């Protein structure tokens, strides 16, 4: 897979500002400071497409990043095309959890995120980012159940795998696999620092495009 172009398409504070071009969308969700912006940048092969910050909760809007992609495939017959081009919007939803914000602001974020997920026909899948060193909290488990009830395909990207030694990493993947109860191909170990798992994550996401 090759990224031909990547750009910020829309930044929205209200549902009426969401894009209406009909492109397929993949939503990225996660607790504040889980490494969402860093992973999005690596997926887009751009250094600063999504702005990173050491301050949890910096993302307080919905950011839509348009990527024009080229997928390489094996041609089965001479008439088959060996490549497929596809445009997609990666949707960076506001982080939740321990960000230091007011109760009113937290409620506004929740309404914005749920408003997006509830009524978005072009949404093809949701990627929940989970720090590999931490067990899923009630927020993550409830979110996965909420997505399943609404028949929104979900996968979990385990972030910051570079923080663990290989044997520790393998053990945590097994443990988290039992906790989130998802098929193995929907649990992807990643590291934006090591470029670990990026191809695997793209392959998993491409199934929904």
N, C-alpha and C. Protein backbone atom coordinates (compact mmCIF):
# COMPACT_ATOMS: atom_id res chain seq x y z
N UNK A 1 0.84 -1.19 0.00
CA UNK A 1 0.00 0.00 0.00
C UNK A 1 0.88 1.25 0.00
N UNK A 2 0.52 2.22 -0.84
CA UNK A 2 1.29 3.45 -0.93
C UNK A 2 0.35 4.63 -0.74
N UNK A 3 0.79 5.60 0.08
CA UNK A 3 0.02 6.83 0.28
C UNK A 3 0.43 7.82 -0.81
N UNK A 4 -0.50 8.14 -1.70
CA UNK A 4 -0.23 9.07 -2.79
C UNK A 4 -0.36 10.52 -2.34
N UNK A 5 -1.32 10.77 -1.45
CA UNK A 5 -1.54 12.13 -0.96
C UNK A 5 -2.18 12.05 0.41
N UNK A 6 -1.85 12.97 1.27
CA UNK A 6 -2.46 13.04 2.60
C UNK A 6 -2.61 14.49 2.99
N UNK A 7 -3.80 14.86 3.45
CA UNK A 7 -4.04 16.25 3.81
C UNK A 7 -5.18 16.34 4.82
N UNK A 8 -5.17 17.40 5.60
CA UNK A 8 -6.29 17.69 6.49
C UNK A 8 -7.44 18.20 5.63
N UNK A 9 -8.57 17.49 5.65
CA UNK A 9 -9.71 17.87 4.82
C UNK A 9 -10.66 18.81 5.56
N UNK A 10 -11.03 18.44 6.80
CA UNK A 10 -12.01 19.21 7.55
C UNK A 10 -11.69 19.10 9.03
N UNK A 11 -11.87 20.19 9.75
CA UNK A 11 -11.88 20.18 11.21
C UNK A 11 -13.25 20.66 11.65
N UNK A 12 -13.92 19.85 12.46
CA UNK A 12 -15.32 20.13 12.77
C UNK A 12 -15.57 20.14 14.27
N UNK A 13 -16.37 21.10 14.71
CA UNK A 13 -16.81 21.15 16.10
C UNK A 13 -18.27 20.75 16.23
N UNK A 14 -18.98 20.67 15.10
CA UNK A 14 -20.41 20.34 15.10
C UNK A 14 -20.68 19.36 13.97
N UNK A 15 -21.68 18.48 14.14
CA UNK A 15 -22.01 17.51 13.08
C UNK A 15 -22.32 18.16 11.74
N UNK A 16 -22.90 19.34 11.74
CA UNK A 16 -23.25 19.99 10.47
C UNK A 16 -22.01 20.36 9.66
N UNK A 17 -20.84 20.33 10.30
CA UNK A 17 -19.59 20.66 9.61
C UNK A 17 -18.86 19.42 9.11
N UNK A 18 -19.40 18.22 9.36
CA UNK A 18 -18.76 17.01 8.89
C UNK A 18 -18.77 16.98 7.36
N UNK A 19 -17.80 16.32 6.73
CA UNK A 19 -17.75 16.25 5.26
C UNK A 19 -19.00 15.56 4.69
N UNK A 20 -19.35 15.94 3.49
CA UNK A 20 -20.53 15.36 2.82
C UNK A 20 -20.16 14.82 1.45
N UNK A 21 -18.87 14.48 1.24
CA UNK A 21 -18.44 14.02 -0.07
C UNK A 21 -18.63 12.53 -0.29
N UNK A 22 -19.06 11.81 0.76
CA UNK A 22 -19.38 10.40 0.60
C UNK A 22 -18.20 9.45 0.63
N UNK A 23 -17.00 9.94 0.90
CA UNK A 23 -15.85 9.05 0.98
C UNK A 23 -15.97 8.12 2.18
N UNK A 24 -15.49 6.88 2.06
CA UNK A 24 -15.52 5.97 3.22
C UNK A 24 -14.64 6.52 4.34
N UNK A 25 -15.08 6.27 5.57
CA UNK A 25 -14.37 6.80 6.73
C UNK A 25 -14.01 5.68 7.70
N UNK A 26 -12.87 5.84 8.33
CA UNK A 26 -12.44 4.96 9.42
C UNK A 26 -12.16 5.83 10.62
N UNK A 27 -12.84 5.56 11.72
CA UNK A 27 -12.71 6.38 12.92
C UNK A 27 -11.62 5.82 13.83
N UNK A 28 -10.87 6.73 14.44
CA UNK A 28 -9.83 6.36 15.40
C UNK A 28 -10.20 6.94 16.75
N UNK A 29 -10.31 6.07 17.75
CA UNK A 29 -10.71 6.47 19.08
C UNK A 29 -9.67 5.99 20.07
N UNK A 30 -9.62 6.66 21.22
CA UNK A 30 -8.70 6.20 22.25
C UNK A 30 -8.61 7.16 23.40
N UNK A 31 -8.13 6.64 24.50
CA UNK A 31 -7.92 7.44 25.69
C UNK A 31 -6.89 8.53 25.41
N UNK A 32 -7.02 9.65 26.09
CA UNK A 32 -6.08 10.74 25.92
C UNK A 32 -4.64 10.25 26.15
N UNK A 33 -3.74 10.71 25.29
CA UNK A 33 -2.32 10.38 25.38
C UNK A 33 -2.01 8.92 25.04
N UNK A 34 -2.87 8.27 24.27
CA UNK A 34 -2.63 6.88 23.89
C UNK A 34 -1.71 6.78 22.68
N UNK A 35 -1.42 7.91 22.04
CA UNK A 35 -0.54 7.90 20.88
C UNK A 35 -1.29 7.92 19.56
N UNK A 36 -2.49 8.46 19.57
CA UNK A 36 -3.33 8.45 18.37
C UNK A 36 -2.74 9.30 17.24
N UNK A 37 -2.32 10.52 17.57
CA UNK A 37 -1.77 11.40 16.54
C UNK A 37 -0.50 10.81 15.94
N UNK A 38 0.36 10.24 16.77
CA UNK A 38 1.59 9.64 16.27
C UNK A 38 1.30 8.48 15.32
N UNK A 39 0.33 7.65 15.67
CA UNK A 39 0.00 6.52 14.81
C UNK A 39 -0.62 6.98 13.50
N UNK A 40 -1.49 7.98 13.57
CA UNK A 40 -2.09 8.51 12.35
C UNK A 40 -1.02 9.07 11.41
N UNK A 41 -0.04 9.76 11.96
CA UNK A 41 1.03 10.30 11.14
C UNK A 41 1.82 9.18 10.45
N UNK A 42 2.08 8.11 11.16
CA UNK A 42 2.83 7.01 10.56
C UNK A 42 1.99 6.30 9.49
N UNK A 43 0.69 6.13 9.73
CA UNK A 43 -0.17 5.52 8.72
C UNK A 43 -0.24 6.38 7.46
N UNK A 44 -0.23 7.69 7.65
CA UNK A 44 -0.30 8.62 6.53
C UNK A 44 1.06 8.90 5.91
N UNK A 45 2.12 8.39 6.52
CA UNK A 45 3.49 8.61 6.06
C UNK A 45 3.82 10.11 6.00
N UNK A 46 3.32 10.83 7.00
CA UNK A 46 3.59 12.26 7.11
C UNK A 46 4.00 12.56 8.54
N UNK A 47 4.92 13.50 8.72
CA UNK A 47 5.44 13.77 10.06
C UNK A 47 4.47 14.56 10.93
N UNK A 48 3.78 15.53 10.34
CA UNK A 48 2.96 16.42 11.15
C UNK A 48 1.57 16.63 10.56
N UNK A 49 1.02 15.59 9.97
CA UNK A 49 -0.35 15.71 9.48
C UNK A 49 -1.29 15.89 10.67
N UNK A 50 -1.16 15.01 11.65
CA UNK A 50 -1.90 15.16 12.91
C UNK A 50 -0.93 15.71 13.94
N UNK A 51 -1.31 16.77 14.61
CA UNK A 51 -0.42 17.42 15.56
C UNK A 51 -0.35 16.62 16.86
N UNK A 52 0.86 16.33 17.30
CA UNK A 52 1.05 15.61 18.55
C UNK A 52 1.30 16.61 19.68
N UNK A 53 1.04 16.16 20.90
CA UNK A 53 1.23 17.02 22.07
C UNK A 53 1.53 16.17 23.29
N UNK A 54 2.33 16.73 24.19
CA UNK A 54 2.57 16.06 25.46
C UNK A 54 1.42 16.29 26.44
N UNK A 55 0.52 17.17 26.09
CA UNK A 55 -0.61 17.48 26.98
C UNK A 55 -1.81 16.62 26.61
N UNK A 56 -2.27 15.71 27.51
CA UNK A 56 -3.43 14.88 27.20
C UNK A 56 -4.65 15.74 26.91
N UNK A 57 -5.43 15.27 25.92
CA UNK A 57 -6.68 15.95 25.64
C UNK A 57 -6.56 17.13 24.70
N UNK A 58 -5.44 17.21 23.95
CA UNK A 58 -5.27 18.35 23.06
C UNK A 58 -6.30 18.34 21.94
N UNK A 59 -6.65 17.15 21.43
CA UNK A 59 -7.62 17.05 20.34
C UNK A 59 -9.03 17.23 20.90
N UNK A 60 -9.65 18.36 20.61
CA UNK A 60 -10.99 18.65 21.13
C UNK A 60 -11.99 18.85 20.01
N UNK A 61 -11.57 18.56 18.80
CA UNK A 61 -12.43 18.65 17.64
C UNK A 61 -12.34 17.34 16.88
N UNK A 62 -13.17 17.19 15.86
CA UNK A 62 -13.08 16.02 14.99
C UNK A 62 -12.28 16.42 13.75
N UNK A 63 -11.18 15.73 13.53
CA UNK A 63 -10.32 16.03 12.39
C UNK A 63 -10.49 14.93 11.33
N UNK A 64 -10.73 15.34 10.11
CA UNK A 64 -10.89 14.41 8.99
C UNK A 64 -9.66 14.56 8.08
N UNK A 65 -8.89 13.48 7.95
CA UNK A 65 -7.71 13.49 7.10
C UNK A 65 -7.98 12.66 5.85
N UNK A 66 -7.84 13.30 4.70
CA UNK A 66 -8.05 12.58 3.44
C UNK A 66 -6.75 11.96 2.98
N UNK A 67 -6.81 10.66 2.69
CA UNK A 67 -5.67 9.94 2.15
C UNK A 67 -6.06 9.33 0.81
N UNK A 68 -5.25 9.54 -0.21
CA UNK A 68 -5.40 8.87 -1.49
C UNK A 68 -4.40 7.72 -1.49
N UNK A 69 -4.90 6.50 -1.64
CA UNK A 69 -4.09 5.31 -1.47
C UNK A 69 -4.00 4.50 -2.75
N UNK A 70 -2.92 3.77 -2.88
CA UNK A 70 -2.79 2.79 -3.95
C UNK A 70 -2.46 1.44 -3.33
N UNK A 71 -3.33 0.48 -3.53
CA UNK A 71 -3.13 -0.86 -3.01
C UNK A 71 -2.57 -1.75 -4.11
N UNK A 72 -1.51 -2.45 -3.81
CA UNK A 72 -0.95 -3.43 -4.73
C UNK A 72 -1.63 -4.77 -4.49
N UNK A 73 -1.96 -5.46 -5.58
CA UNK A 73 -2.60 -6.77 -5.44
C UNK A 73 -2.03 -7.71 -6.49
N UNK A 74 -2.20 -8.99 -6.25
CA UNK A 74 -1.72 -9.98 -7.20
C UNK A 74 -2.79 -10.21 -8.26
N UNK A 75 -2.45 -9.98 -9.51
CA UNK A 75 -3.41 -10.18 -10.60
C UNK A 75 -3.62 -11.68 -10.84
N UNK A 76 -4.87 -12.11 -10.83
CA UNK A 76 -5.17 -13.54 -11.03
C UNK A 76 -5.27 -13.89 -12.50
N UNK A 77 -5.67 -12.92 -13.32
CA UNK A 77 -5.75 -13.13 -14.76
C UNK A 77 -5.11 -11.93 -15.45
N UNK A 78 -4.78 -12.05 -16.73
CA UNK A 78 -4.16 -10.91 -17.44
C UNK A 78 -5.05 -9.68 -17.47
N UNK A 79 -6.37 -9.87 -17.34
CA UNK A 79 -7.27 -8.73 -17.38
C UNK A 79 -7.43 -8.03 -16.04
N UNK A 80 -6.93 -8.64 -14.98
CA UNK A 80 -7.04 -8.05 -13.66
C UNK A 80 -6.03 -6.91 -13.50
N UNK A 81 -6.44 -5.86 -12.80
CA UNK A 81 -5.53 -4.76 -12.53
C UNK A 81 -4.68 -5.11 -11.31
N UNK A 82 -3.36 -4.92 -11.40
CA UNK A 82 -2.50 -5.25 -10.26
C UNK A 82 -2.57 -4.21 -9.14
N UNK A 83 -3.22 -3.08 -9.39
CA UNK A 83 -3.32 -2.04 -8.37
C UNK A 83 -4.76 -1.57 -8.25
N UNK A 84 -5.05 -0.99 -7.09
CA UNK A 84 -6.37 -0.39 -6.84
C UNK A 84 -6.16 0.91 -6.10
N UNK A 85 -6.76 1.97 -6.58
CA UNK A 85 -6.65 3.26 -5.90
C UNK A 85 -7.93 3.56 -5.15
N UNK A 86 -7.77 4.14 -3.98
CA UNK A 86 -8.90 4.38 -3.08
C UNK A 86 -8.63 5.61 -2.25
N UNK A 87 -9.63 6.47 -2.13
CA UNK A 87 -9.55 7.61 -1.22
C UNK A 87 -10.35 7.30 0.03
N UNK A 88 -9.85 7.73 1.16
CA UNK A 88 -10.48 7.43 2.44
C UNK A 88 -10.25 8.59 3.39
N UNK A 89 -11.16 8.76 4.33
CA UNK A 89 -11.00 9.75 5.39
C UNK A 89 -10.69 9.03 6.69
N UNK A 90 -9.54 9.34 7.28
CA UNK A 90 -9.23 8.87 8.63
C UNK A 90 -9.73 9.93 9.59
N UNK A 91 -10.56 9.51 10.53
CA UNK A 91 -11.26 10.45 11.40
C UNK A 91 -10.69 10.37 12.81
N UNK A 92 -10.08 11.46 13.23
CA UNK A 92 -9.45 11.55 14.55
C UNK A 92 -10.48 12.13 15.53
N UNK A 93 -11.04 11.25 16.35
CA UNK A 93 -12.06 11.67 17.31
C UNK A 93 -11.41 12.10 18.63
N UNK A 94 -12.03 13.04 19.35
CA UNK A 94 -11.45 13.54 20.60
C UNK A 94 -11.14 12.42 21.58
N UNK A 95 -10.00 12.54 22.25
CA UNK A 95 -9.63 11.55 23.25
C UNK A 95 -10.51 11.66 24.48
N UNK A 96 -10.57 10.57 25.23
CA UNK A 96 -11.37 10.56 26.45
C UNK A 96 -10.51 10.05 27.59
N UNK A 97 -11.03 10.11 28.80
CA UNK A 97 -10.29 9.55 29.93
C UNK A 97 -9.79 10.62 30.87
N UNK A 98 -8.46 10.65 31.07
CA UNK A 98 -7.93 11.47 32.16
C UNK A 98 -7.53 12.88 31.74
N UNK A 99 -7.97 13.34 30.58
CA UNK A 99 -7.68 14.73 30.21
C UNK A 99 -8.33 15.68 31.21
N UNK A 100 -7.57 16.72 31.58
CA UNK A 100 -8.06 17.66 32.59
C UNK A 100 -8.93 18.74 31.93
N UNK A 101 -10.21 18.46 31.88
CA UNK A 101 -11.15 19.41 31.29
C UNK A 101 -12.36 19.52 32.22
N UNK A 102 -13.17 20.54 31.98
CA UNK A 102 -14.36 20.73 32.80
C UNK A 102 -15.41 19.67 32.49
N UNK A 103 -16.35 19.50 33.40
CA UNK A 103 -17.42 18.53 33.20
C UNK A 103 -18.25 18.90 31.98
N UNK A 104 -18.53 20.18 31.81
CA UNK A 104 -19.33 20.62 30.66
C UNK A 104 -18.61 20.31 29.35
N UNK A 105 -17.28 20.51 29.33
CA UNK A 105 -16.53 20.24 28.12
C UNK A 105 -16.50 18.74 27.84
N UNK A 106 -16.39 17.94 28.90
CA UNK A 106 -16.38 16.49 28.72
C UNK A 106 -17.71 16.01 28.14
N UNK A 107 -18.81 16.58 28.62
CA UNK A 107 -20.13 16.21 28.10
C UNK A 107 -20.26 16.62 26.63
N UNK A 108 -19.74 17.80 26.29
CA UNK A 108 -19.78 18.26 24.90
C UNK A 108 -18.99 17.32 23.99
N UNK A 109 -17.82 16.85 24.47
CA UNK A 109 -17.03 15.91 23.69
C UNK A 109 -17.82 14.62 23.46
N UNK A 110 -18.44 14.13 24.54
CA UNK A 110 -19.18 12.88 24.43
C UNK A 110 -20.30 12.99 23.41
N UNK A 111 -21.01 14.10 23.43
CA UNK A 111 -22.09 14.30 22.47
C UNK A 111 -21.56 14.35 21.05
N UNK A 112 -20.42 15.00 20.87
CA UNK A 112 -19.84 15.13 19.54
C UNK A 112 -19.43 13.75 19.01
N UNK A 113 -18.75 12.96 19.84
CA UNK A 113 -18.28 11.65 19.41
C UNK A 113 -19.45 10.71 19.15
N UNK A 114 -20.39 10.64 20.09
CA UNK A 114 -21.53 9.75 19.90
C UNK A 114 -22.39 10.21 18.73
N UNK A 115 -22.50 11.53 18.53
CA UNK A 115 -23.25 12.03 17.40
C UNK A 115 -22.63 11.60 16.08
N UNK A 116 -21.31 11.57 16.04
CA UNK A 116 -20.63 11.09 14.83
C UNK A 116 -20.88 9.59 14.63
N UNK A 117 -20.65 8.79 15.65
CA UNK A 117 -20.73 7.35 15.51
C UNK A 117 -22.16 6.86 15.27
N UNK A 118 -23.14 7.56 15.82
CA UNK A 118 -24.53 7.13 15.73
C UNK A 118 -25.09 7.27 14.32
N UNK A 119 -24.69 8.29 13.60
CA UNK A 119 -25.38 8.62 12.36
C UNK A 119 -24.38 8.99 11.28
N UNK A 120 -23.58 8.01 10.88
CA UNK A 120 -22.56 8.26 9.87
C UNK A 120 -22.54 7.09 8.90
N UNK A 121 -23.40 7.10 7.87
CA UNK A 121 -23.50 5.95 6.95
C UNK A 121 -22.19 5.59 6.27
N UNK A 122 -21.30 6.56 6.08
CA UNK A 122 -20.03 6.28 5.38
C UNK A 122 -18.97 5.69 6.31
N UNK A 123 -19.28 5.56 7.59
CA UNK A 123 -18.32 4.98 8.53
C UNK A 123 -18.21 3.48 8.27
N UNK A 124 -17.00 3.03 7.92
CA UNK A 124 -16.81 1.62 7.58
C UNK A 124 -16.28 0.79 8.74
N UNK A 125 -15.51 1.41 9.63
CA UNK A 125 -14.92 0.67 10.75
C UNK A 125 -14.39 1.67 11.77
N UNK A 126 -14.14 1.16 12.98
CA UNK A 126 -13.57 1.97 14.04
C UNK A 126 -12.35 1.26 14.60
N UNK A 127 -11.28 2.02 14.79
CA UNK A 127 -10.06 1.48 15.40
C UNK A 127 -9.91 2.08 16.79
N UNK A 128 -9.96 1.23 17.79
CA UNK A 128 -9.77 1.65 19.18
C UNK A 128 -8.31 1.47 19.55
N UNK A 129 -7.67 2.55 19.96
CA UNK A 129 -6.26 2.48 20.35
C UNK A 129 -6.16 2.21 21.84
N UNK A 130 -5.29 1.25 22.18
CA UNK A 130 -5.13 0.81 23.56
C UNK A 130 -3.64 0.70 23.87
N UNK A 131 -3.19 1.41 24.89
CA UNK A 131 -1.80 1.29 25.33
C UNK A 131 -1.53 -0.15 25.75
N UNK A 132 -0.53 -0.78 25.13
CA UNK A 132 -0.27 -2.20 25.37
C UNK A 132 0.10 -2.48 26.82
N UNK A 133 0.54 -1.47 27.56
CA UNK A 133 0.97 -1.68 28.95
C UNK A 133 -0.19 -1.65 29.93
N UNK A 134 -1.37 -1.26 29.47
CA UNK A 134 -2.50 -1.07 30.38
C UNK A 134 -3.67 -1.97 29.99
N UNK A 135 -4.40 -2.43 30.99
CA UNK A 135 -5.60 -3.21 30.73
C UNK A 135 -6.74 -2.28 30.29
N UNK A 136 -7.62 -2.76 29.43
CA UNK A 136 -8.78 -1.95 29.05
C UNK A 136 -9.63 -1.61 30.28
N UNK A 137 -10.00 -0.35 30.39
CA UNK A 137 -10.89 0.07 31.47
C UNK A 137 -12.33 -0.10 31.02
N UNK A 138 -13.27 0.25 31.92
CA UNK A 138 -14.68 0.15 31.56
C UNK A 138 -15.00 0.95 30.31
N UNK A 139 -14.33 2.13 30.15
CA UNK A 139 -14.57 2.96 28.96
C UNK A 139 -14.34 2.18 27.68
N UNK A 140 -13.21 1.47 27.60
CA UNK A 140 -12.89 0.72 26.39
C UNK A 140 -13.85 -0.45 26.17
N UNK A 141 -14.13 -1.18 27.23
CA UNK A 141 -15.03 -2.34 27.10
C UNK A 141 -16.43 -1.91 26.69
N UNK A 142 -16.91 -0.82 27.29
CA UNK A 142 -18.25 -0.33 26.95
C UNK A 142 -18.28 0.19 25.51
N UNK A 143 -17.20 0.83 25.09
CA UNK A 143 -17.15 1.35 23.73
C UNK A 143 -17.18 0.20 22.72
N UNK A 144 -16.43 -0.85 22.96
CA UNK A 144 -16.44 -2.00 22.05
C UNK A 144 -17.83 -2.63 21.99
N UNK A 145 -18.48 -2.74 23.15
CA UNK A 145 -19.83 -3.30 23.17
C UNK A 145 -20.81 -2.38 22.44
N UNK A 146 -20.64 -1.08 22.62
CA UNK A 146 -21.50 -0.08 21.97
C UNK A 146 -21.36 -0.17 20.45
N UNK A 147 -20.13 -0.32 19.96
CA UNK A 147 -19.89 -0.46 18.53
C UNK A 147 -20.49 -1.75 17.99
N UNK A 148 -20.36 -2.83 18.76
CA UNK A 148 -20.90 -4.11 18.31
C UNK A 148 -22.42 -4.05 18.21
N UNK A 149 -23.07 -3.41 19.17
CA UNK A 149 -24.53 -3.28 19.13
C UNK A 149 -25.00 -2.55 17.88
N UNK A 150 -24.19 -1.61 17.42
CA UNK A 150 -24.56 -0.81 16.24
C UNK A 150 -23.96 -1.38 14.96
N UNK A 151 -23.37 -2.56 15.05
CA UNK A 151 -22.82 -3.28 13.91
C UNK A 151 -21.76 -2.45 13.18
N UNK A 152 -20.97 -1.74 13.96
CA UNK A 152 -19.82 -1.02 13.41
C UNK A 152 -18.60 -1.89 13.63
N UNK A 153 -17.97 -2.40 12.58
CA UNK A 153 -16.79 -3.26 12.76
C UNK A 153 -15.71 -2.52 13.55
N UNK A 154 -15.11 -3.24 14.48
CA UNK A 154 -14.09 -2.62 15.34
C UNK A 154 -12.86 -3.50 15.40
N UNK A 155 -11.72 -2.84 15.51
CA UNK A 155 -10.48 -3.54 15.80
C UNK A 155 -9.74 -2.74 16.86
N UNK A 156 -8.77 -3.38 17.49
CA UNK A 156 -7.98 -2.73 18.53
C UNK A 156 -6.53 -2.67 18.08
N UNK A 157 -5.99 -1.45 18.08
CA UNK A 157 -4.57 -1.26 17.78
C UNK A 157 -3.84 -1.04 19.10
N UNK A 158 -2.97 -1.96 19.45
CA UNK A 158 -2.18 -1.84 20.68
C UNK A 158 -1.01 -0.92 20.41
N UNK A 159 -0.94 0.20 21.10
CA UNK A 159 0.08 1.21 20.83
C UNK A 159 1.24 1.10 21.82
N UNK A 160 2.33 1.79 21.47
CA UNK A 160 3.52 1.93 22.33
C UNK A 160 4.18 0.60 22.64
N UNK A 161 4.15 -0.30 21.66
CA UNK A 161 4.78 -1.62 21.86
C UNK A 161 6.28 -1.50 22.07
N UNK A 162 6.88 -0.39 21.63
CA UNK A 162 8.32 -0.20 21.82
C UNK A 162 8.69 -0.04 23.29
N UNK A 163 7.71 0.22 24.15
CA UNK A 163 7.98 0.41 25.58
C UNK A 163 8.24 -0.92 26.29
N UNK A 164 7.99 -2.04 25.61
CA UNK A 164 8.16 -3.35 26.23
C UNK A 164 9.19 -4.18 25.48
N UNK A 165 9.88 -5.03 26.20
CA UNK A 165 10.77 -5.99 25.57
C UNK A 165 9.95 -7.02 24.80
N UNK A 166 10.53 -7.68 23.79
CA UNK A 166 9.75 -8.61 22.96
C UNK A 166 8.98 -9.66 23.74
N UNK A 167 9.58 -10.27 24.77
CA UNK A 167 8.85 -11.30 25.51
C UNK A 167 7.70 -10.70 26.31
N UNK A 168 7.92 -9.54 26.91
CA UNK A 168 6.85 -8.85 27.63
C UNK A 168 5.72 -8.48 26.67
N UNK A 169 6.12 -8.03 25.48
CA UNK A 169 5.14 -7.63 24.47
C UNK A 169 4.26 -8.80 24.09
N UNK A 170 4.85 -9.95 23.83
CA UNK A 170 4.09 -11.13 23.43
C UNK A 170 3.12 -11.56 24.54
N UNK A 171 3.59 -11.48 25.78
CA UNK A 171 2.72 -11.86 26.90
C UNK A 171 1.53 -10.90 27.01
N UNK A 172 1.78 -9.60 26.85
CA UNK A 172 0.70 -8.62 26.96
C UNK A 172 -0.31 -8.79 25.82
N UNK A 173 0.16 -9.13 24.63
CA UNK A 173 -0.77 -9.34 23.51
C UNK A 173 -1.71 -10.50 23.83
N UNK A 174 -1.17 -11.57 24.40
CA UNK A 174 -2.02 -12.71 24.77
C UNK A 174 -3.03 -12.30 25.84
N UNK A 175 -2.57 -11.58 26.83
CA UNK A 175 -3.46 -11.15 27.91
C UNK A 175 -4.57 -10.23 27.40
N UNK A 176 -4.19 -9.25 26.59
CA UNK A 176 -5.17 -8.30 26.08
C UNK A 176 -6.12 -8.97 25.10
N UNK A 177 -5.64 -9.95 24.37
CA UNK A 177 -6.52 -10.69 23.46
C UNK A 177 -7.65 -11.36 24.21
N UNK A 178 -7.34 -11.89 25.39
CA UNK A 178 -8.39 -12.51 26.20
C UNK A 178 -9.36 -11.46 26.75
N UNK A 179 -8.84 -10.29 27.10
CA UNK A 179 -9.67 -9.27 27.72
C UNK A 179 -10.63 -8.60 26.74
N UNK A 180 -10.20 -8.36 25.52
CA UNK A 180 -11.07 -7.66 24.56
C UNK A 180 -11.93 -8.62 23.76
N UNK A 181 -11.59 -9.91 23.78
CA UNK A 181 -12.41 -10.94 23.13
C UNK A 181 -12.69 -10.61 21.66
N UNK A 182 -11.63 -10.28 20.92
CA UNK A 182 -11.74 -10.05 19.49
C UNK A 182 -10.93 -11.11 18.75
N UNK A 183 -11.27 -11.40 17.49
CA UNK A 183 -10.44 -12.31 16.70
C UNK A 183 -9.01 -11.79 16.60
N UNK A 184 -8.07 -12.70 16.43
CA UNK A 184 -6.66 -12.33 16.41
C UNK A 184 -6.34 -11.33 15.31
N UNK A 185 -7.06 -11.40 14.17
CA UNK A 185 -6.76 -10.48 13.07
C UNK A 185 -7.33 -9.09 13.30
N UNK A 186 -8.02 -8.90 14.43
CA UNK A 186 -8.52 -7.58 14.78
C UNK A 186 -7.81 -7.01 16.01
N UNK A 187 -6.71 -7.60 16.36
CA UNK A 187 -5.87 -7.11 17.46
C UNK A 187 -4.47 -6.92 16.89
N UNK A 188 -4.09 -5.67 16.65
CA UNK A 188 -2.86 -5.37 15.94
C UNK A 188 -1.89 -4.67 16.88
N UNK A 189 -0.68 -5.22 16.99
CA UNK A 189 0.36 -4.62 17.83
C UNK A 189 1.12 -3.58 17.01
N UNK A 190 1.23 -2.36 17.53
CA UNK A 190 1.85 -1.28 16.76
C UNK A 190 2.85 -0.50 17.61
N UNK A 191 3.72 0.20 16.91
CA UNK A 191 4.61 1.18 17.52
C UNK A 191 4.92 2.24 16.47
N UNK A 192 4.53 3.47 16.73
CA UNK A 192 4.86 4.56 15.82
C UNK A 192 6.36 4.83 15.79
N UNK A 193 7.04 4.53 16.89
CA UNK A 193 8.49 4.76 16.97
C UNK A 193 9.25 3.74 16.13
N UNK A 194 8.83 2.47 16.19
CA UNK A 194 9.53 1.39 15.50
C UNK A 194 8.93 1.07 14.13
N UNK A 195 7.84 1.76 13.76
CA UNK A 195 7.10 1.42 12.53
C UNK A 195 6.59 -0.02 12.59
N UNK A 196 6.28 -0.47 13.78
CA UNK A 196 5.82 -1.84 13.98
C UNK A 196 4.31 -1.94 13.74
N UNK A 197 3.90 -2.93 12.96
CA UNK A 197 2.49 -3.23 12.79
C UNK A 197 1.73 -2.32 11.84
N UNK A 198 2.41 -1.38 11.18
CA UNK A 198 1.70 -0.44 10.30
C UNK A 198 1.11 -1.15 9.08
N UNK A 199 1.90 -2.01 8.46
CA UNK A 199 1.39 -2.74 7.30
C UNK A 199 0.25 -3.66 7.69
N UNK A 200 0.39 -4.31 8.85
CA UNK A 200 -0.68 -5.20 9.32
C UNK A 200 -1.96 -4.42 9.61
N UNK A 201 -1.81 -3.23 10.19
CA UNK A 201 -2.98 -2.41 10.49
C UNK A 201 -3.65 -1.95 9.21
N UNK A 202 -2.87 -1.53 8.22
CA UNK A 202 -3.45 -1.13 6.95
C UNK A 202 -4.19 -2.30 6.28
N UNK A 203 -3.61 -3.49 6.34
CA UNK A 203 -4.29 -4.64 5.74
C UNK A 203 -5.61 -4.92 6.43
N UNK A 204 -5.62 -4.79 7.75
CA UNK A 204 -6.86 -5.02 8.50
C UNK A 204 -7.91 -3.98 8.15
N UNK A 205 -7.49 -2.72 8.02
CA UNK A 205 -8.43 -1.64 7.69
C UNK A 205 -8.92 -1.74 6.26
N UNK A 206 -8.04 -2.18 5.36
CA UNK A 206 -8.39 -2.22 3.93
C UNK A 206 -9.55 -3.18 3.66
N UNK A 207 -9.74 -4.15 4.52
CA UNK A 207 -10.86 -5.10 4.31
C UNK A 207 -12.21 -4.40 4.36
N UNK A 208 -12.27 -3.24 5.00
CA UNK A 208 -13.55 -2.56 5.17
C UNK A 208 -13.76 -1.45 4.13
N UNK A 209 -12.80 -1.24 3.25
CA UNK A 209 -12.89 -0.17 2.27
C UNK A 209 -13.49 -0.66 0.95
